[in-house]
Amino acid sequence: MFQSTRVSQVAFLAALLLTGIVAIAGAGPARAGETPVFTLTIKDHKFDPATLQVPAGKRFELVVKNADATPEEFESKSLRREKIIKGGDQATIKLGPLKPGTYDFFGEFHEDTAKGNIVAK
């Protein structure tokens, strides 16, 4: 009888462990899909939208699409990011988590017109 109970306990613990492993493995892709994605478009050497609101305290991806024929550089000193985007191309920039506040960015090749900011709330 003792051995039968011991086998049942081992089987129960093995099933519990397997269930935990399956739950953890299944949780990975679900979390990855929760990353918010925001898009900026460069057109006529301007960013659209010029102001982009994002959630504070959460990581996110910024997709910058360059609809112009010429390259532009997304640059932000406050975000510590620089990325050259060829004409007709796009780039994904991973950012955050950001503290609440305003973070300016600009297009280095057309600083007079390509300006904007990200507001984290």
PDB file of N, CA and C in Angstrom:
ATOM      1  N   MET A   1       0.814  -1.183   0.000  1.00  0.00           N
ATOM      2  CA  MET A   1       0.000   0.000   0.000  1.00  0.00           C
ATOM      3  C   MET A   1       0.865   1.256   0.000  1.00  0.00           C
ATOM      4  N   PHE A   2       1.956   1.244   0.763  1.00  0.00           N
ATOM      5  CA  PHE A   2       2.833   2.396   0.825  1.00  0.00           C
ATOM      6  C   PHE A   2       3.395   2.736  -0.550  1.00  0.00           C
ATOM      7  N   GLN A   3       3.810   1.698  -1.289  1.00  0.00           N
ATOM      8  CA  GLN A   3       4.398   1.918  -2.591  1.00  0.00           C
ATOM      9  C   GLN A   3       3.366   2.473  -3.567  1.00  0.00           C
ATOM     10  N   SER A   4       2.152   2.037  -3.516  1.00  0.00           N
ATOM     11  CA  SER A   4       1.082   2.518  -4.377  1.00  0.00           C
ATOM     12  C   SER A   4       0.823   4.009  -4.138  1.00  0.00           C
ATOM     13  N   THR A   5       0.817   4.421  -2.871  1.00  0.00           N
ATOM     14  CA  THR A   5       0.616   5.832  -2.529  1.00  0.00           C
ATOM     15  C   THR A   5       1.797   6.660  -3.018  1.00  0.00           C
ATOM     16  N   ARG A   6       2.982   6.135  -2.873  1.00  0.00           N
ATOM     17  CA  ARG A   6       4.200   6.845  -3.306  1.00  0.00           C
ATOM     18  C   ARG A   6       4.181   7.045  -4.813  1.00  0.00           C
ATOM     19  N   VAL A   7       3.792   6.027  -5.575  1.00  0.00           N
ATOM     20  CA  VAL A   7       3.707   6.131  -7.033  1.00  0.00           C
ATOM     21  C   VAL A   7       2.661   7.176  -7.416  1.00  0.00           C
ATOM     22  N   SER A   8       1.538   7.205  -6.735  1.00  0.00           N
ATOM     23  CA  SER A   8       0.485   8.183  -7.007  1.00  0.00           C
ATOM     24  C   SER A   8       0.987   9.598  -6.745  1.00  0.00           C
ATOM     25  N   GLN A   9       1.750   9.785  -5.669  1.00  0.00           N
ATOM     26  CA  GLN A   9       2.285  11.107  -5.350  1.00  0.00           C
ATOM     27  C   GLN A   9       3.278  11.564  -6.412  1.00  0.00           C
ATOM     28  N   VAL A  10       4.140  10.666  -6.854  1.00  0.00           N
ATOM     29  CA  VAL A  10       5.121  10.999  -7.888  1.00  0.00           C
ATOM     30  C   VAL A  10       4.407  11.333  -9.196  1.00  0.00           C
ATOM     31  N   ALA A  11       3.395  10.551  -9.553  1.00  0.00           N
ATOM     32  CA  ALA A  11       2.635  10.817 -10.776  1.00  0.00           C
ATOM     33  C   ALA A  11       1.929  12.165 -10.689  1.00  0.00           C
ATOM     34  N   PHE A  12       1.364  12.474  -9.526  1.00  0.00           N
ATOM     35  CA  PHE A  12       0.682  13.744  -9.331  1.00  0.00           C
ATOM     36  C   PHE A  12       1.669  14.908  -9.481  1.00  0.00           C
ATOM     37  N   LEU A  13       2.845  14.797  -8.844  1.00  0.00           N
ATOM     38  CA  LEU A  13       3.847  15.859  -8.937  1.00  0.00           C
ATOM     39  C   LEU A  13       4.364  16.019 -10.368  1.00  0.00           C
ATOM     40  N   ALA A  14       4.538  14.929 -11.076  1.00  0.00           N
ATOM     41  CA  ALA A  14       4.986  14.998 -12.467  1.00  0.00           C
ATOM     42  C   ALA A  14       3.938  15.691 -13.335  1.00  0.00           C
ATOM     43  N   ALA A  15       2.673  15.365 -13.125  1.00  0.00           N
ATOM     44  CA  ALA A  15       1.595  16.012 -13.884  1.00  0.00           C
ATOM     45  C   ALA A  15       1.527  17.503 -13.563  1.00  0.00           C
ATOM     46  N   LEU A  16       1.707  17.849 -12.301  1.00  0.00           N
ATOM     47  CA  LEU A  16       1.688  19.245 -11.886  1.00  0.00           C
ATOM     48  C   LEU A  16       2.851  20.008 -12.517  1.00  0.00           C
ATOM     49  N   LEU A  17       4.016  19.419 -12.501  1.00  0.00           N
ATOM     50  CA  LEU A  17       5.195  20.032 -13.117  1.00  0.00           C
ATOM     51  C   LEU A  17       4.997  20.216 -14.611  1.00  0.00           C
ATOM     52  N   LEU A  18       4.482  19.215 -15.286  1.00  0.00           N
ATOM     53  CA  LEU A  18       4.233  19.304 -16.721  1.00  0.00           C
ATOM     54  C   LEU A  18       3.214  20.396 -17.041  1.00  0.00           C
ATOM     55  N   THR A  19       2.170  20.495 -16.235  1.00  0.00           N
ATOM     56  CA  THR A  19       1.165  21.541 -16.426  1.00  0.00           C
ATOM     57  C   THR A  19       1.800  22.923 -16.279  1.00  0.00           C
ATOM     58  N   GLY A  20       2.663  23.089 -15.300  1.00  0.00           N
ATOM     59  CA  GLY A  20       3.351  24.370 -15.097  1.00  0.00           C
ATOM     60  C   GLY A  20       4.247  24.729 -16.264  1.00  0.00           C
ATOM     61  N   ILE A  21       4.977  23.751 -16.786  1.00  0.00           N
ATOM     62  CA  ILE A  21       5.855  23.987 -17.936  1.00  0.00           C
ATOM     63  C   ILE A  21       5.043  24.403 -19.157  1.00  0.00           C
ATOM     64  N   VAL A  22       3.929  23.713 -19.398  1.00  0.00           N
ATOM     65  CA  VAL A  22       3.072  24.050 -20.539  1.00  0.00           C
ATOM     66  C   VAL A  22       2.506  25.461 -20.374  1.00  0.00           C
ATOM     67  N   ALA A  23       2.094  25.818 -19.165  1.00  0.00           N
ATOM     68  CA  ALA A  23       1.530  27.155 -18.917  1.00  0.00           C
ATOM     69  C   ALA A  23       2.571  28.235 -19.152  1.00  0.00           C
ATOM     70  N   ILE A  24       3.789  28.017 -18.673  1.00  0.00           N
ATOM     71  CA  ILE A  24       4.862  29.005 -18.863  1.00  0.00           C
ATOM     72  C   ILE A  24       5.221  29.128 -20.338  1.00  0.00           C
ATOM     73  N   ALA A  25       5.329  28.024 -21.041  1.00  0.00           N
ATOM     74  CA  ALA A  25       5.673  28.050 -22.460  1.00  0.00           C
ATOM     75  C   ALA A  25       4.594  28.757 -23.262  1.00  0.00           C
ATOM     76  N   GLY A  26       3.356  28.576 -22.895  1.00  0.00           N
ATOM     77  CA  GLY A  26       2.258  29.223 -23.611  1.00  0.00           C
ATOM     78  C   GLY A  26       2.159  30.702 -23.323  1.00  0.00           C
ATOM     79  N   ALA A  27       2.689  31.162 -22.198  1.00  0.00           N
ATOM     80  CA  ALA A  27       2.582  32.574 -21.821  1.00  0.00           C
ATOM     81  C   ALA A  27       3.532  33.454 -22.611  1.00  0.00           C
ATOM     82  N   GLY A  28       4.643  32.938 -23.106  1.00  0.00           N
ATOM     83  CA  GLY A  28       5.634  33.742 -23.821  1.00  0.00           C
ATOM     84  C   GLY A  28       5.087  34.465 -25.033  1.00  0.00           C
ATOM     85  N   PRO A  29       4.532  33.767 -25.997  1.00  0.00           N
ATOM     86  CA  PRO A  29       4.028  34.442 -27.186  1.00  0.00           C
ATOM     87  C   PRO A  29       2.897  35.424 -26.892  1.00  0.00           C
ATOM     88  N   ALA A  30       2.073  35.150 -25.897  1.00  0.00           N
ATOM     89  CA  ALA A  30       0.975  36.061 -25.577  1.00  0.00           C
ATOM     90  C   ALA A  30       1.526  37.398 -25.102  1.00  0.00           C
ATOM     91  N   ARG A  31       2.570  37.380 -24.289  1.00  0.00           N
ATOM     92  CA  ARG A  31       3.155  38.632 -23.820  1.00  0.00           C
ATOM     93  C   ARG A  31       3.818  39.390 -24.947  1.00  0.00           C
ATOM     94  N   ALA A  32       4.463  38.689 -25.865  1.00  0.00           N
ATOM     95  CA  ALA A  32       5.138  39.347 -26.970  1.00  0.00           C
ATOM     96  C   ALA A  32       4.144  40.090 -27.848  1.00  0.00           C
ATOM     97  N   GLY A  33       2.952  39.564 -28.010  1.00  0.00           N
ATOM     98  CA  GLY A  33       1.939  40.194 -28.840  1.00  0.00           C
ATOM     99  C   GLY A  33       1.309  41.407 -28.195  1.00  0.00           C
ATOM    100  N   GLU A  34       1.561  41.634 -26.901  1.00  0.00           N
ATOM    101  CA  GLU A  34       0.972  42.754 -26.192  1.00  0.00           C
ATOM    102  C   GLU A  34       1.754  44.051 -26.370  1.00  0.00           C
ATOM    103  N   THR A  35       2.908  44.026 -26.994  1.00  0.00           N
ATOM    104  CA  THR A  35       3.701  45.231 -27.187  1.00  0.00           C
ATOM    105  C   THR A  35       2.970  46.158 -28.153  1.00  0.00           C
ATOM    106  N   PRO A  36       2.587  47.366 -27.686  1.00  0.00           N
ATOM    107  CA  PRO A  36       1.887  48.279 -28.585  1.00  0.00           C
ATOM    108  C   PRO A  36       2.814  48.791 -29.690  1.00  0.00           C
ATOM    109  N   VAL A  37       2.245  49.037 -30.842  1.00  0.00           N
ATOM    110  CA  VAL A  37       2.990  49.543 -31.992  1.00  0.00           C
ATOM    111  C   VAL A  37       2.367  50.865 -32.416  1.00  0.00           C
ATOM    112  N   PHE A  38       3.201  51.895 -32.575  1.00  0.00           N
ATOM    113  CA  PHE A  38       2.763  53.212 -33.030  1.00  0.00           C
ATOM    114  C   PHE A  38       3.504  53.543 -34.315  1.00  0.00           C
ATOM    115  N   THR A  39       2.848  54.297 -35.198  1.00  0.00           N
ATOM    116  CA  THR A  39       3.428  54.588 -36.503  1.00  0.00           C
ATOM    117  C   THR A  39       3.558  56.087 -36.730  1.00  0.00           C
ATOM    118  N   LEU A  40       4.724  56.485 -37.228  1.00  0.00           N
ATOM    119  CA  LEU A  40       4.976  57.838 -37.701  1.00  0.00           C
ATOM    120  C   LEU A  40       5.256  57.742 -39.200  1.00  0.00           C
ATOM    121  N   THR A  41       4.766  58.692 -39.966  1.00  0.00           N
ATOM    122  CA  THR A  41       5.047  58.725 -41.397  1.00  0.00           C
ATOM    123  C   THR A  41       5.761  60.020 -41.730  1.00  0.00           C
ATOM    124  N   ILE A  42       6.822  59.908 -42.512  1.00  0.00           N
ATOM    125  CA  ILE A  42       7.530  61.085 -43.009  1.00  0.00           C
ATOM    126  C   ILE A  42       7.020  61.333 -44.424  1.00  0.00           C
ATOM    127  N   LYS A  43       6.432  62.497 -44.646  1.00  0.00           N
ATOM    128  CA  LYS A  43       5.930  62.860 -45.975  1.00  0.00           C
ATOM    129  C   LYS A  43       6.148  64.352 -46.152  1.00  0.00           C
ATOM    130  N   ASP A  44       6.695  64.714 -47.304  1.00  0.00           N
ATOM    131  CA  ASP A  44       7.031  66.118 -47.588  1.00  0.00           C
ATOM    132  C   ASP A  44       7.939  66.690 -46.502  1.00  0.00           C
ATOM    133  N   HIS A  45       8.839  65.858 -46.020  1.00  0.00           N
ATOM    134  CA  HIS A  45       9.841  66.222 -45.006  1.00  0.00           C
ATOM    135  C   HIS A  45       9.200  66.691 -43.699  1.00  0.00           C
ATOM    136  N   LYS A  46       8.045  66.093 -43.341  1.00  0.00           N
ATOM    137  CA  LYS A  46       7.360  66.371 -42.077  1.00  0.00           C
ATOM    138  C   LYS A  46       6.915  65.051 -41.468  1.00  0.00           C
ATOM    139  N   PHE A  47       6.854  65.009 -40.137  1.00  0.00           N
ATOM    140  CA  PHE A  47       6.356  63.825 -39.445  1.00  0.00           C
ATOM    141  C   PHE A  47       4.849  63.937 -39.251  1.00  0.00           C
ATOM    142  N   ASP A  48       4.167  62.823 -39.495  1.00  0.00           N
ATOM    143  CA  ASP A  48       2.720  62.771 -39.288  1.00  0.00           C
ATOM    144  C   ASP A  48       2.406  61.509 -38.489  1.00  0.00           C
ATOM    145  N   PRO A  49       1.829  61.634 -37.316  1.00  0.00           N
ATOM    146  CA  PRO A  49       1.463  62.870 -36.639  1.00  0.00           C
ATOM    147  C   PRO A  49       2.692  63.539 -36.035  1.00  0.00           C
ATOM    148  N   ALA A  50       2.606  64.847 -35.841  1.00  0.00           N
ATOM    149  CA  ALA A  50       3.720  65.585 -35.243  1.00  0.00           C
ATOM    150  C   ALA A  50       3.806  65.303 -33.744  1.00  0.00           C
ATOM    151  N   THR A  51       2.675  64.993 -33.110  1.00  0.00           N
ATOM    152  CA  THR A  51       2.650  64.615 -31.700  1.00  0.00           C
ATOM    153  C   THR A  51       2.034  63.234 -31.585  1.00  0.00           C
ATOM    154  N   LEU A  52       2.746  62.360 -30.920  1.00  0.00           N
ATOM    155  CA  LEU A  52       2.311  60.976 -30.767  1.00  0.00           C
ATOM    156  C   LEU A  52       2.195  60.678 -29.276  1.00  0.00           C
ATOM    157  N   GLN A  53       1.019  60.243 -28.835  1.00  0.00           N
ATOM    158  CA  GLN A  53       0.812  59.915 -27.419  1.00  0.00           C
ATOM    159  C   GLN A  53       0.994  58.416 -27.211  1.00  0.00           C
ATOM    160  N   VAL A  54       1.793  58.055 -26.195  1.00  0.00           N
ATOM    161  CA  VAL A  54       2.072  56.657 -25.869  1.00  0.00           C
ATOM    162  C   VAL A  54       1.857  56.443 -24.373  1.00  0.00           C
ATOM    163  N   PRO A  55       1.653  55.199 -23.952  1.00  0.00           N
ATOM    164  CA  PRO A  55       1.488  54.946 -22.521  1.00  0.00           C
ATOM    165  C   PRO A  55       2.824  55.034 -21.778  1.00  0.00           C
ATOM    166  N   ALA A  56       2.826  55.754 -20.665  1.00  0.00           N
ATOM    167  CA  ALA A  56       4.031  55.840 -19.829  1.00  0.00           C
ATOM    168  C   ALA A  56       4.239  54.494 -19.129  1.00  0.00           C
ATOM    169  N   GLY A  57       5.486  54.164 -18.894  1.00  0.00           N
ATOM    170  CA  GLY A  57       5.807  52.973 -18.128  1.00  0.00           C
ATOM    171  C   GLY A  57       5.668  51.661 -18.871  1.00  0.00           C
ATOM    172  N   LYS A  58       5.503  51.710 -20.189  1.00  0.00           N
ATOM    173  CA  LYS A  58       5.333  50.481 -20.961  1.00  0.00           C
ATOM    174  C   LYS A  58       6.227  50.518 -22.202  1.00  0.00           C
ATOM    175  N   ARG A  59       6.842  49.400 -22.490  1.00  0.00           N
ATOM    176  CA  ARG A  59       7.653  49.303 -23.711  1.00  0.00           C
ATOM    177  C   ARG A  59       6.731  49.342 -24.926  1.00  0.00           C
ATOM    178  N   PHE A  60       7.248  49.870 -26.044  1.00  0.00           N
ATOM    179  CA  PHE A  60       6.473  49.918 -27.275  1.00  0.00           C
ATOM    180  C   PHE A  60       7.411  49.960 -28.464  1.00  0.00           C
ATOM    181  N   GLU A  61       6.838  49.741 -29.628  1.00  0.00           N
ATOM    182  CA  GLU A  61       7.595  49.826 -30.879  1.00  0.00           C
ATOM    183  C   GLU A  61       7.099  51.015 -31.669  1.00  0.00           C
ATOM    184  N   LEU A  62       8.043  51.737 -32.252  1.00  0.00           N
ATOM    185  CA  LEU A  62       7.724  52.865 -33.108  1.00  0.00           C
ATOM    186  C   LEU A  62       8.135  52.502 -34.531  1.00  0.00           C
ATOM    187  N   VAL A  63       7.157  52.445 -35.423  1.00  0.00           N
ATOM    188  CA  VAL A  63       7.432  52.187 -36.834  1.00  0.00           C
ATOM    189  C   VAL A  63       7.469  53.539 -37.529  1.00  0.00           C
ATOM    190  N   VAL A  64       8.604  53.853 -38.148  1.00  0.00           N
ATOM    191  CA  VAL A  64       8.759  55.113 -38.872  1.00  0.00           C
ATOM    192  C   VAL A  64       8.805  54.778 -40.359  1.00  0.00           C
ATOM    193  N   LYS A  65       7.773  55.251 -41.081  1.00  0.00           N
ATOM    194  CA  LYS A  65       7.670  55.016 -42.523  1.00  0.00           C
ATOM    195  C   LYS A  65       8.099  56.280 -43.259  1.00  0.00           C
ATOM    196  N   ASN A  66       8.996  56.121 -44.204  1.00  0.00           N
ATOM    197  CA  ASN A  66       9.445  57.273 -44.994  1.00  0.00           C
ATOM    198  C   ASN A  66       8.758  57.225 -46.354  1.00  0.00           C
ATOM    199  N   ALA A  67       7.737  58.067 -46.532  1.00  0.00           N
ATOM    200  CA  ALA A  67       6.997  58.124 -47.800  1.00  0.00           C
ATOM    201  C   ALA A  67       7.681  59.034 -48.813  1.00  0.00           C
ATOM    202  N   ASP A  68       8.738  59.718 -48.410  1.00  0.00           N
ATOM    203  CA  ASP A  68       9.489  60.570 -49.332  1.00  0.00           C
ATOM    204  C   ASP A  68      10.471  59.725 -50.147  1.00  0.00           C
ATOM    205  N   ALA A  69      10.952  60.293 -51.237  1.00  0.00           N
ATOM    206  CA  ALA A  69      11.913  59.590 -52.095  1.00  0.00           C
ATOM    207  C   ALA A  69      13.330  59.681 -51.535  1.00  0.00           C
ATOM    208  N   THR A  70      13.569  60.655 -50.662  1.00  0.00           N
ATOM    209  CA  THR A  70      14.910  60.868 -50.117  1.00  0.00           C
ATOM    210  C   THR A  70      15.008  60.306 -48.701  1.00  0.00           C
ATOM    211  N   PRO A  71      16.208  59.974 -48.261  1.00  0.00           N
ATOM    212  CA  PRO A  71      16.362  59.440 -46.906  1.00  0.00           C
ATOM    213  C   PRO A  71      16.124  60.521 -45.853  1.00  0.00           C
ATOM    214  N   GLU A  72      15.765  60.067 -44.663  1.00  0.00           N
ATOM    215  CA  GLU A  72      15.614  60.962 -43.512  1.00  0.00           C
ATOM    216  C   GLU A  72      16.124  60.223 -42.286  1.00  0.00           C
ATOM    217  N   GLU A  73      16.601  60.985 -41.317  1.00  0.00           N
ATOM    218  CA  GLU A  73      17.071  60.377 -40.075  1.00  0.00           C
ATOM    219  C   GLU A  73      16.125  60.765 -38.943  1.00  0.00           C
ATOM    220  N   PHE A  74      15.548  59.760 -38.305  1.00  0.00           N
ATOM    221  CA  PHE A  74      14.790  59.984 -37.076  1.00  0.00           C
ATOM    222  C   PHE A  74      15.820  60.138 -35.976  1.00  0.00           C
ATOM    223  N   GLU A  75      15.788  61.284 -35.290  1.00  0.00           N
ATOM    224  CA  GLU A  75      16.748  61.495 -34.210  1.00  0.00           C
ATOM    225  C   GLU A  75      16.052  62.108 -33.014  1.00  0.00           C
ATOM    226  N   SER A  76      16.412  61.610 -31.842  1.00  0.00           N
ATOM    227  CA  SER A  76      15.897  62.145 -30.585  1.00  0.00           C
ATOM    228  C   SER A  76      16.996  62.068 -29.540  1.00  0.00           C
ATOM    229  N   LYS A  77      17.402  63.226 -29.090  1.00  0.00           N
ATOM    230  CA  LYS A  77      18.429  63.251 -28.031  1.00  0.00           C
ATOM    231  C   LYS A  77      17.838  62.763 -26.711  1.00  0.00           C
ATOM    232  N   SER A  78      16.584  63.141 -26.409  1.00  0.00           N
ATOM    233  CA  SER A  78      15.973  62.746 -25.143  1.00  0.00           C
ATOM    234  C   SER A  78      15.662  61.245 -25.087  1.00  0.00           C
ATOM    235  N   LEU A  79      15.410  60.639 -26.247  1.00  0.00           N
ATOM    236  CA  LEU A  79      15.172  59.187 -26.308  1.00  0.00           C
ATOM    237  C   LEU A  79      16.463  58.415 -26.580  1.00  0.00           C
ATOM    238  N   ARG A  80      17.502  59.140 -26.925  1.00  0.00           N
ATOM    239  CA  ARG A  80      18.805  58.557 -27.271  1.00  0.00           C
ATOM    240  C   ARG A  80      18.694  57.552 -28.415  1.00  0.00           C
ATOM    241  N   ARG A  81      18.056  58.008 -29.488  1.00  0.00           N
ATOM    242  CA  ARG A  81      17.877  57.155 -30.669  1.00  0.00           C
ATOM    243  C   ARG A  81      18.188  57.941 -31.934  1.00  0.00           C
ATOM    244  N   GLU A  82      18.818  57.260 -32.888  1.00  0.00           N
ATOM    245  CA  GLU A  82      19.066  57.778 -34.233  1.00  0.00           C
ATOM    246  C   GLU A  82      18.850  56.636 -35.205  1.00  0.00           C
ATOM    247  N   LYS A  83      18.143  56.901 -36.273  1.00  0.00           N
ATOM    248  CA  LYS A  83      17.918  55.848 -37.263  1.00  0.00           C
ATOM    249  C   LYS A  83      17.701  56.490 -38.622  1.00  0.00           C
ATOM    250  N   ILE A  84      18.542  56.151 -39.593  1.00  0.00           N
ATOM    251  CA  ILE A  84      18.367  56.624 -40.963  1.00  0.00           C
ATOM    252  C   ILE A  84      17.393  55.688 -41.665  1.00  0.00           C
ATOM    253  N   ILE A  85      16.400  56.288 -42.336  1.00  0.00           N
ATOM    254  CA  ILE A  85      15.399  55.509 -43.058  1.00  0.00           C
ATOM    255  C   ILE A  85      15.453  55.939 -44.521  1.00  0.00           C
ATOM    256  N   LYS A  86      15.782  54.989 -45.387  1.00  0.00           N
ATOM    257  CA  LYS A  86      15.855  55.282 -46.823  1.00  0.00           C
ATOM    258  C   LYS A  86      14.489  55.701 -47.347  1.00  0.00           C
ATOM    259  N   GLY A  87      14.501  56.440 -48.443  1.00  0.00           N
ATOM    260  CA  GLY A  87      13.252  56.832 -49.085  1.00  0.00           C
ATOM    261  C   GLY A  87      12.441  55.600 -49.474  1.00  0.00           C
ATOM    262  N   GLY A  88      11.132  55.642 -49.176  1.00  0.00           N
ATOM    263  CA  GLY A  88      10.258  54.517 -49.497  1.00  0.00           C
ATOM    264  C   GLY A  88      10.413  53.320 -48.578  1.00  0.00           C
ATOM    265  N   ASP A  89      11.157  53.467 -47.504  1.00  0.00           N
ATOM    266  CA  ASP A  89      11.410  52.344 -46.594  1.00  0.00           C
ATOM    267  C   ASP A  89      10.839  52.659 -45.213  1.00  0.00           C
ATOM    268  N   GLN A  90      11.000  51.739 -44.294  1.00  0.00           N
ATOM    269  CA  GLN A  90      10.544  51.954 -42.922  1.00  0.00           C
ATOM    270  C   GLN A  90      11.497  51.291 -41.955  1.00  0.00           C
ATOM    271  N   ALA A  91      11.418  51.723 -40.700  1.00  0.00           N
ATOM    272  CA  ALA A  91      12.256  51.151 -39.642  1.00  0.00           C
ATOM    273  C   ALA A  91      11.417  51.001 -38.383  1.00  0.00           C
ATOM    274  N   THR A  92      11.752  49.998 -37.594  1.00  0.00           N
ATOM    275  CA  THR A  92      11.093  49.784 -36.309  1.00  0.00           C
ATOM    276  C   THR A  92      12.101  50.095 -35.212  1.00  0.00           C
ATOM    277  N   ILE A  93      11.675  50.951 -34.278  1.00  0.00           N
ATOM    278  CA  ILE A  93      12.530  51.366 -33.177  1.00  0.00           C
ATOM    279  C   ILE A  93      11.846  50.948 -31.878  1.00  0.00           C
ATOM    280  N   LYS A  94      12.546  50.179 -31.058  1.00  0.00           N
ATOM    281  CA  LYS A  94      11.993  49.741 -29.772  1.00  0.00           C
ATOM    282  C   LYS A  94      12.311  50.799 -28.723  1.00  0.00           C
ATOM    283  N   LEU A  95      11.270  51.200 -27.982  1.00  0.00           N
ATOM    284  CA  LEU A  95      11.419  52.265 -26.990  1.00  0.00           C
ATOM    285  C   LEU A  95      10.733  51.889 -25.683  1.00  0.00           C
ATOM    286  N   GLY A  96      11.088  52.637 -24.638  1.00  0.00           N
ATOM    287  CA  GLY A  96      10.409  52.517 -23.363  1.00  0.00           C
ATOM    288  C   GLY A  96      11.069  51.502 -22.454  1.00  0.00           C
ATOM    289  N   PRO A  97      10.487  51.417 -21.293  1.00  0.00           N
ATOM    290  CA  PRO A  97       9.368  52.212 -20.787  1.00  0.00           C
ATOM    291  C   PRO A  97       9.805  53.648 -20.519  1.00  0.00           C
ATOM    292  N   LEU A  98       8.922  54.601 -20.818  1.00  0.00           N
ATOM    293  CA  LEU A  98       9.208  56.021 -20.640  1.00  0.00           C
ATOM    294  C   LEU A  98       8.498  56.554 -19.398  1.00  0.00           C
ATOM    295  N   LYS A  99       9.147  57.478 -18.736  1.00  0.00           N
ATOM    296  CA  LYS A  99       8.500  58.206 -17.640  1.00  0.00           C
ATOM    297  C   LYS A  99       7.527  59.199 -18.267  1.00  0.00           C
ATOM    298  N   PRO A 100       6.479  59.592 -17.556  1.00  0.00           N
ATOM    299  CA  PRO A 100       5.572  60.606 -18.108  1.00  0.00           C
ATOM    300  C   PRO A 100       6.350  61.862 -18.495  1.00  0.00           C
ATOM    301  N   GLY A 101       6.036  62.390 -19.667  1.00  0.00           N
ATOM    302  CA  GLY A 101       6.731  63.586 -20.136  1.00  0.00           C
ATOM    303  C   GLY A 101       6.690  63.691 -21.642  1.00  0.00           C
ATOM    304  N   THR A 102       7.393  64.690 -22.157  1.00  0.00           N
ATOM    305  CA  THR A 102       7.454  64.959 -23.593  1.00  0.00           C
ATOM    306  C   THR A 102       8.875  64.722 -24.085  1.00  0.00           C
ATOM    307  N   TYR A 103       8.993  63.995 -25.173  1.00  0.00           N
ATOM    308  CA  TYR A 103      10.279  63.628 -25.757  1.00  0.00           C
ATOM    309  C   TYR A 103      10.300  64.125 -27.205  1.00  0.00           C
ATOM    310  N   ASP A 104      11.166  65.100 -27.482  1.00  0.00           N
ATOM    311  CA  ASP A 104      11.234  65.682 -28.828  1.00  0.00           C
ATOM    312  C   ASP A 104      12.029  64.793 -29.774  1.00  0.00           C
ATOM    313  N   PHE A 105      11.659  64.845 -31.058  1.00  0.00           N
ATOM    314  CA  PHE A 105      12.422  64.186 -32.111  1.00  0.00           C
ATOM    315  C   PHE A 105      12.433  65.097 -33.328  1.00  0.00           C
ATOM    316  N   PHE A 106      13.336  64.808 -34.261  1.00  0.00           N
ATOM    317  CA  PHE A 106      13.421  65.605 -35.492  1.00  0.00           C
ATOM    318  C   PHE A 106      14.051  64.774 -36.590  1.00  0.00           C
ATOM    319  N   GLY A 107      13.903  65.270 -37.810  1.00  0.00           N
ATOM    320  CA  GLY A 107      14.571  64.674 -38.959  1.00  0.00           C
ATOM    321  C   GLY A 107      15.843  65.458 -39.196  1.00  0.00           C
ATOM    322  N   GLU A 108      16.967  64.836 -39.003  1.00  0.00           N
ATOM    323  CA  GLU A 108      18.232  65.565 -39.083  1.00  0.00           C
ATOM    324  C   GLU A 108      18.498  66.147 -40.467  1.00  0.00           C
ATOM    325  N   PHE A 109      17.993  65.525 -41.515  1.00  0.00           N
ATOM    326  CA  PHE A 109      18.257  66.018 -42.872  1.00  0.00           C
ATOM    327  C   PHE A 109      17.342  67.178 -43.257  1.00  0.00           C
ATOM    328  N   HIS A 110      16.258  67.384 -42.516  1.00  0.00           N
ATOM    329  CA  HIS A 110      15.314  68.477 -42.784  1.00  0.00           C
ATOM    330  C   HIS A 110      14.810  69.041 -41.448  1.00  0.00           C
ATOM    331  N   GLU A 111      15.751  69.518 -40.632  1.00  0.00           N
ATOM    332  CA  GLU A 111      15.411  69.973 -39.277  1.00  0.00           C
ATOM    333  C   GLU A 111      14.410  71.117 -39.248  1.00  0.00           C
ATOM    334  N   ASP A 112      14.369  71.915 -40.306  1.00  0.00           N
ATOM    335  CA  ASP A 112      13.458  73.062 -40.313  1.00  0.00           C
ATOM    336  C   ASP A 112      11.988  72.645 -40.407  1.00  0.00           C
ATOM    337  N   THR A 113      11.697  71.483 -41.009  1.00  0.00           N
ATOM    338  CA  THR A 113      10.305  71.047 -41.172  1.00  0.00           C
ATOM    339  C   THR A 113       9.973  69.742 -40.463  1.00  0.00           C
ATOM    340  N   ALA A 114      10.927  68.867 -40.328  1.00  0.00           N
ATOM    341  CA  ALA A 114      10.678  67.528 -39.744  1.00  0.00           C
ATOM    342  C   ALA A 114      10.901  67.565 -38.241  1.00  0.00           C
ATOM    343  N   LYS A 115       9.830  67.909 -37.507  1.00  0.00           N
ATOM    344  CA  LYS A 115       9.903  68.013 -36.048  1.00  0.00           C
ATOM    345  C   LYS A 115       8.680  67.367 -35.428  1.00  0.00           C
ATOM    346  N   GLY A 116       8.843  66.896 -34.214  1.00  0.00           N
ATOM    347  CA  GLY A 116       7.698  66.321 -33.517  1.00  0.00           C
ATOM    348  C   GLY A 116       8.071  65.953 -32.098  1.00  0.00           C
ATOM    349  N   ASN A 117       7.096  65.322 -31.418  1.00  0.00           N
ATOM    350  CA  ASN A 117       7.362  64.858 -30.071  1.00  0.00           C
ATOM    351  C   ASN A 117       6.477  63.679 -29.720  1.00  0.00           C
ATOM    352  N   ILE A 118       6.965  62.929 -28.751  1.00  0.00           N
ATOM    353  CA  ILE A 118       6.232  61.803 -28.176  1.00  0.00           C
ATOM    354  C   ILE A 118       5.857  62.219 -26.762  1.00  0.00           C
ATOM    355  N   VAL A 119       4.573  62.098 -26.444  1.00  0.00           N
ATOM    356  CA  VAL A 119       4.083  62.429 -25.114  1.00  0.00           C
ATOM    357  C   VAL A 119       3.704  61.124 -24.414  1.00  0.00           C
ATOM    358  N   ALA A 120       4.405  60.837 -23.321  1.00  0.00           N
ATOM    359  CA  ALA A 120       4.121  59.629 -22.538  1.00  0.00           C
ATOM    360  C   ALA A 120       3.212  60.018 -21.379  1.00  0.00           C
ATOM    361  N   LYS A 121       2.027  59.381 -21.339  1.00  0.00           N
ATOM    362  CA  LYS A 121       1.051  59.653 -20.250  1.00  0.00           C
ATOM    363  C   LYS A 121       0.674  58.356 -19.569  1.00  0.00           C
TER     364      LYS A 121
END
